[in-house]
Amino acid sequence: MGAVAGYFWAKRAGKLPGQSGFLFRIPLPWLAFDDQVSNHWPFFVAAVAGYVAFGLYWEVAGKNAAPSKRTESTASRGVHVALTNVALLMEIVTIRGLGRFTPALPLIMTAGLAIEAAGVALAIWARRHLGRNWSGRIAIKEGHELVQSGPYQFLRHPIYTAILAMYAGLARVTGEWLGVAGFAMVLLAYWRKIRLEEAALDKAFGPAYGAYRRETWALVPWVL
């Protein structure tokens, strides 16, 4: 939140690239900050605050996870973390970049916040049902259970659905094509993770997981 506040202070003080008062003026229009977003800064700050609150909850909830028997490699985990962090950066740094796909209007930005909030709520619901089986890495836990309660009755990866909704909501708030590109990147990251995770779960649970896959959707009911 401090970084966000500093960003808006610097912008209004003329301390950012491409604005008067900066040590080195950078004459690149696509690096200039998007005034449409900064003129509606409470929506943007609210969107970032949602991510901060979610991150804090996730950090605390992760402390009750069971020990892992098998996990993905550090290199594989690093690929996922790099993709998701770069994607978030593309969404949250509101430069003009690739232009806008929608104007910054309160109604549209409110819809983005609602999508993000729905994603946060779904993630928390799913996390509570997953319990000690949760892991940030692809992992098989000691005493791992094949959870099929709550949102897992319908979706195999509701937390991923929720996180994608959060990214989609933030892109809706900023309304920038750069944010859409970031969303495409995070889709790629989770497509990759789903493939690796389902292979690990299929190995761990065998026919039971195969039956579960046939009865559920990966991310979106009746779609995918």
Protein backbone atom coordinates (compact mmCIF):
# COMPACT_ATOMS: atom_id res chain seq x y z
CA MET A 1 0.00 0.00 0.00
CA GLY A 2 2.91 2.34 0.68
CA ALA A 3 4.18 1.82 -2.85
CA VAL A 4 0.76 2.67 -4.27
CA ALA A 5 0.49 5.81 -2.16
CA GLY A 6 4.00 6.80 -3.20
CA TYR A 7 3.12 6.31 -6.84
CA PHE A 8 0.20 8.73 -6.68
CA TRP A 9 2.18 11.27 -4.65
CA ALA A 10 5.04 11.14 -7.16
CA LYS A 11 2.71 11.46 -10.10
CA ARG A 12 1.00 14.53 -8.75
CA ALA A 13 4.35 16.03 -7.75
CA GLY A 14 5.69 15.54 -11.28
CA LYS A 15 8.41 13.10 -10.24
CA LEU A 16 7.67 10.28 -12.65
CA PRO A 17 9.22 9.46 -16.03
CA GLY A 18 7.95 11.64 -18.83
CA GLN A 19 6.81 14.43 -16.48
CA SER A 20 8.41 17.75 -15.64
CA GLY A 21 10.52 17.72 -12.50
CA PHE A 22 11.99 14.26 -13.08
CA LEU A 23 15.79 14.06 -13.18
CA PHE A 24 15.80 12.53 -16.66
CA ARG A 25 12.87 13.26 -18.89
CA ILE A 26 11.98 10.12 -20.89
CA PRO A 27 10.15 11.10 -24.09
CA LEU A 28 8.35 7.78 -24.54
CA PRO A 29 4.58 8.26 -24.55
CA TRP A 30 3.86 4.59 -23.78
CA LEU A 31 5.81 4.91 -20.50
CA ALA A 32 3.68 7.84 -19.31
CA PHE A 33 1.27 7.00 -16.52
CA ASP A 34 -2.38 6.57 -17.44
CA ASP A 35 -4.29 9.61 -16.23
CA GLN A 36 -7.61 7.79 -16.61
CA VAL A 37 -6.60 5.43 -13.83
CA SER A 38 -5.01 8.04 -11.57
CA ASN A 39 -8.09 10.25 -11.90
CA HIS A 40 -10.08 7.38 -10.38
CA TRP A 41 -7.38 6.35 -7.93
CA PRO A 42 -9.71 5.11 -5.11
CA PHE A 43 -10.80 2.20 -7.33
CA PHE A 44 -7.21 1.29 -8.11
CA VAL A 45 -6.15 1.52 -4.45
CA ALA A 46 -9.14 -0.64 -3.46
CA ALA A 47 -8.10 -3.27 -6.02
CA VAL A 48 -4.52 -3.34 -4.72
CA ALA A 49 -5.78 -3.45 -1.12
CA GLY A 50 -7.77 -6.57 -2.02
CA TYR A 51 -4.57 -8.27 -3.17
CA VAL A 52 -2.73 -7.22 -0.01
CA ALA A 53 -5.51 -8.53 2.26
CA PHE A 54 -5.66 -11.78 0.30
CA GLY A 55 -1.89 -12.21 0.54
CA LEU A 56 -1.91 -11.70 4.30
CA TYR A 57 -4.71 -14.22 4.79
CA TRP A 58 -2.94 -16.73 2.53
CA GLU A 59 0.29 -16.36 4.49
CA VAL A 60 -1.44 -17.06 7.79
CA ALA A 61 -3.59 -19.91 6.45
CA GLY A 62 -0.57 -21.62 4.93
CA LYS A 63 0.97 -22.24 8.34
CA ASN A 64 -1.38 -25.17 9.05
CA ALA A 65 -0.41 -27.15 5.93
CA ALA A 66 0.75 -30.73 6.40
CA PRO A 67 4.36 -31.73 5.62
CA SER A 68 5.02 -32.75 2.03
CA LYS A 69 6.11 -36.19 0.85
CA ARG A 70 6.84 -35.14 -2.74
CA THR A 71 7.04 -31.69 -4.29
CA GLU A 72 7.86 -30.13 -7.63
CA SER A 73 11.39 -28.90 -8.19
CA THR A 74 12.55 -25.46 -7.16
CA ALA A 75 13.14 -24.64 -10.84
CA SER A 76 9.58 -25.59 -11.79
CA ARG A 77 8.15 -23.57 -8.93
CA GLY A 78 10.35 -20.66 -9.97
CA VAL A 79 8.87 -20.66 -13.47
CA HIS A 80 5.36 -20.36 -12.03
CA VAL A 81 6.28 -17.63 -9.57
CA ALA A 82 8.08 -15.64 -12.27
CA LEU A 83 5.14 -15.82 -14.68
CA THR A 84 2.53 -14.83 -12.09
CA ASN A 85 4.62 -11.99 -10.65
CA VAL A 86 5.41 -10.51 -14.06
CA ALA A 87 1.73 -10.81 -14.96
CA LEU A 88 0.74 -8.94 -11.80
CA LEU A 89 3.33 -6.26 -12.50
CA MET A 90 1.90 -5.80 -16.00
CA GLU A 91 -1.54 -5.26 -14.49
CA ILE A 92 -0.55 -3.06 -11.59
CA VAL A 93 1.91 -0.64 -13.26
CA THR A 94 -0.61 1.63 -14.93
CA ILE A 95 1.40 3.08 -17.79
CA ARG A 96 -0.23 3.86 -21.13
CA GLY A 97 1.62 0.97 -22.70
CA LEU A 98 -0.59 -0.78 -25.24
CA GLY A 99 -3.53 1.57 -24.77
CA ARG A 100 -6.94 0.97 -23.29
CA PHE A 101 -9.65 -1.55 -24.12
CA THR A 102 -12.27 0.27 -22.07
CA PRO A 103 -12.65 3.76 -20.58
CA ALA A 104 -12.08 4.31 -16.87
CA LEU A 105 -15.65 4.75 -15.68
CA PRO A 106 -16.84 4.22 -12.10
CA LEU A 107 -19.41 1.60 -13.10
CA ILE A 108 -16.88 -0.43 -15.09
CA MET A 109 -14.25 -0.17 -12.35
CA THR A 110 -16.80 -1.17 -9.72
CA ALA A 111 -17.58 -4.27 -11.78
CA GLY A 112 -13.86 -5.09 -11.75
CA LEU A 113 -13.75 -4.77 -7.97
CA ALA A 114 -16.79 -7.06 -7.69
CA ILE A 115 -15.08 -9.71 -9.85
CA GLU A 116 -11.95 -9.47 -7.72
CA ALA A 117 -13.96 -9.72 -4.49
CA ALA A 118 -15.78 -12.79 -5.81
CA GLY A 119 -12.40 -14.35 -6.58
CA VAL A 120 -11.14 -13.65 -3.05
CA ALA A 121 -14.30 -15.17 -1.54
CA LEU A 122 -14.04 -18.31 -3.69
CA ALA A 123 -10.35 -18.73 -2.83
CA ILE A 124 -11.03 -18.52 0.90
CA TRP A 125 -13.96 -20.97 0.63
CA ALA A 126 -11.84 -23.46 -1.30
CA ARG A 127 -8.84 -22.99 0.98
CA ARG A 128 -10.91 -23.81 4.05
CA HIS A 129 -12.11 -27.06 2.47
CA LEU A 130 -8.64 -27.99 1.28
CA GLY A 131 -7.28 -27.60 4.82
CA ARG A 132 -3.93 -29.25 5.49
CA ASN A 133 -3.75 -30.60 1.93
CA TRP A 134 -2.94 -27.13 0.56
CA SER A 135 0.48 -26.25 -0.79
CA GLY A 136 1.87 -23.37 -2.83
CA ARG A 137 4.03 -25.88 -4.68
CA ILE A 138 2.67 -28.87 -6.54
CA ALA A 139 2.95 -31.41 -3.75
CA ILE A 140 1.62 -34.63 -2.31
CA LYS A 141 1.21 -34.25 1.44
CA GLU A 142 1.61 -36.80 4.19
CA GLY A 143 -1.86 -38.31 4.63
CA HIS A 144 -3.01 -36.44 1.49
CA GLU A 145 -6.78 -36.60 0.90
CA LEU A 146 -8.67 -36.21 -2.36
CA VAL A 147 -10.94 -33.36 -1.29
CA GLN A 148 -14.38 -33.35 -2.96
CA SER A 149 -16.36 -31.06 -0.67
CA GLY A 150 -17.36 -27.40 -1.05
CA PRO A 151 -16.35 -26.00 -4.44
CA TYR A 152 -14.34 -29.17 -5.07
CA GLN A 153 -17.63 -30.95 -5.77
CA PHE A 154 -17.71 -29.12 -9.10
CA LEU A 155 -14.20 -27.80 -9.78
CA ARG A 156 -10.86 -29.53 -9.45
CA HIS A 157 -8.96 -26.25 -9.11
CA PRO A 158 -11.29 -23.64 -7.58
CA ILE A 159 -8.39 -21.71 -6.04
CA TYR A 160 -6.92 -21.25 -9.51
CA THR A 161 -10.32 -20.15 -10.79
CA ALA A 162 -10.42 -17.64 -7.94
CA ILE A 163 -6.94 -16.27 -8.61
CA LEU A 164 -7.70 -15.90 -12.32
CA ALA A 165 -10.87 -13.99 -11.37
CA MET A 166 -8.76 -11.67 -9.23
CA TYR A 167 -6.42 -10.96 -12.13
CA ALA A 168 -9.40 -10.45 -14.45
CA GLY A 169 -10.98 -8.05 -11.96
CA LEU A 170 -7.81 -5.99 -11.68
CA ALA A 171 -7.51 -5.81 -15.47
CA ARG A 172 -11.12 -4.65 -15.57
CA VAL A 173 -10.34 -1.91 -13.03
CA THR A 174 -7.37 -0.53 -14.97
CA GLY A 175 -8.93 -1.12 -18.39
CA GLU A 176 -5.54 -1.38 -20.11
CA TRP A 177 -4.44 -3.81 -22.81
CA LEU A 178 -1.24 -4.31 -20.85
CA GLY A 179 -3.40 -5.78 -18.09
CA VAL A 180 -5.06 -8.10 -20.60
CA ALA A 181 -1.59 -9.26 -21.67
CA GLY A 182 -0.80 -9.88 -18.01
CA PHE A 183 -3.98 -11.91 -17.65
CA ALA A 184 -3.00 -13.99 -20.68
CA MET A 185 0.36 -14.65 -19.03
CA VAL A 186 -1.22 -15.80 -15.79
CA LEU A 187 -3.55 -18.07 -17.77
CA LEU A 188 -0.47 -19.68 -19.29
CA ALA A 189 1.07 -20.08 -15.82
CA TYR A 190 -1.97 -21.87 -14.42
CA TRP A 191 -2.54 -23.98 -17.54
CA ARG A 192 1.01 -25.26 -17.04
CA LYS A 193 0.49 -25.80 -13.31
CA ILE A 194 -2.79 -27.68 -13.80
CA ARG A 195 -1.15 -30.12 -16.22
CA LEU A 196 1.70 -30.83 -13.79
CA GLU A 197 -0.56 -31.01 -10.74
CA GLU A 198 -3.09 -33.35 -12.32
CA ALA A 199 -0.30 -35.69 -13.39
CA ALA A 200 0.94 -35.79 -9.78
CA LEU A 201 -2.54 -36.37 -8.37
CA ASP A 202 -3.29 -39.07 -10.93
CA LYS A 203 -0.12 -40.86 -9.85
CA ALA A 204 -1.02 -40.49 -6.17
CA PHE A 205 -4.71 -41.48 -6.32
CA GLY A 206 -4.92 -43.60 -9.48
CA PRO A 207 -8.45 -44.61 -10.64
CA ALA A 208 -10.10 -42.51 -7.91
CA TYR A 209 -8.65 -39.35 -9.42
CA GLY A 210 -9.60 -40.46 -12.92
CA ALA A 211 -13.21 -40.86 -11.80
CA TYR A 212 -13.11 -37.47 -10.08
CA ARG A 213 -11.81 -35.83 -13.28
CA ARG A 214 -14.68 -37.30 -15.29
CA GLU A 215 -17.26 -35.90 -12.85
CA THR A 216 -15.87 -32.34 -12.53
CA TRP A 217 -14.56 -29.37 -14.48
CA ALA A 218 -11.04 -28.00 -14.14
CA LEU A 219 -11.84 -24.29 -13.78
CA VAL A 220 -15.30 -23.26 -15.04
CA PRO A 221 -18.49 -25.38 -14.79
CA TRP A 222 -19.88 -26.52 -18.16
CA VAL A 223 -17.00 -24.77 -19.96
CA LEU A 224 -13.56 -26.07 -18.97
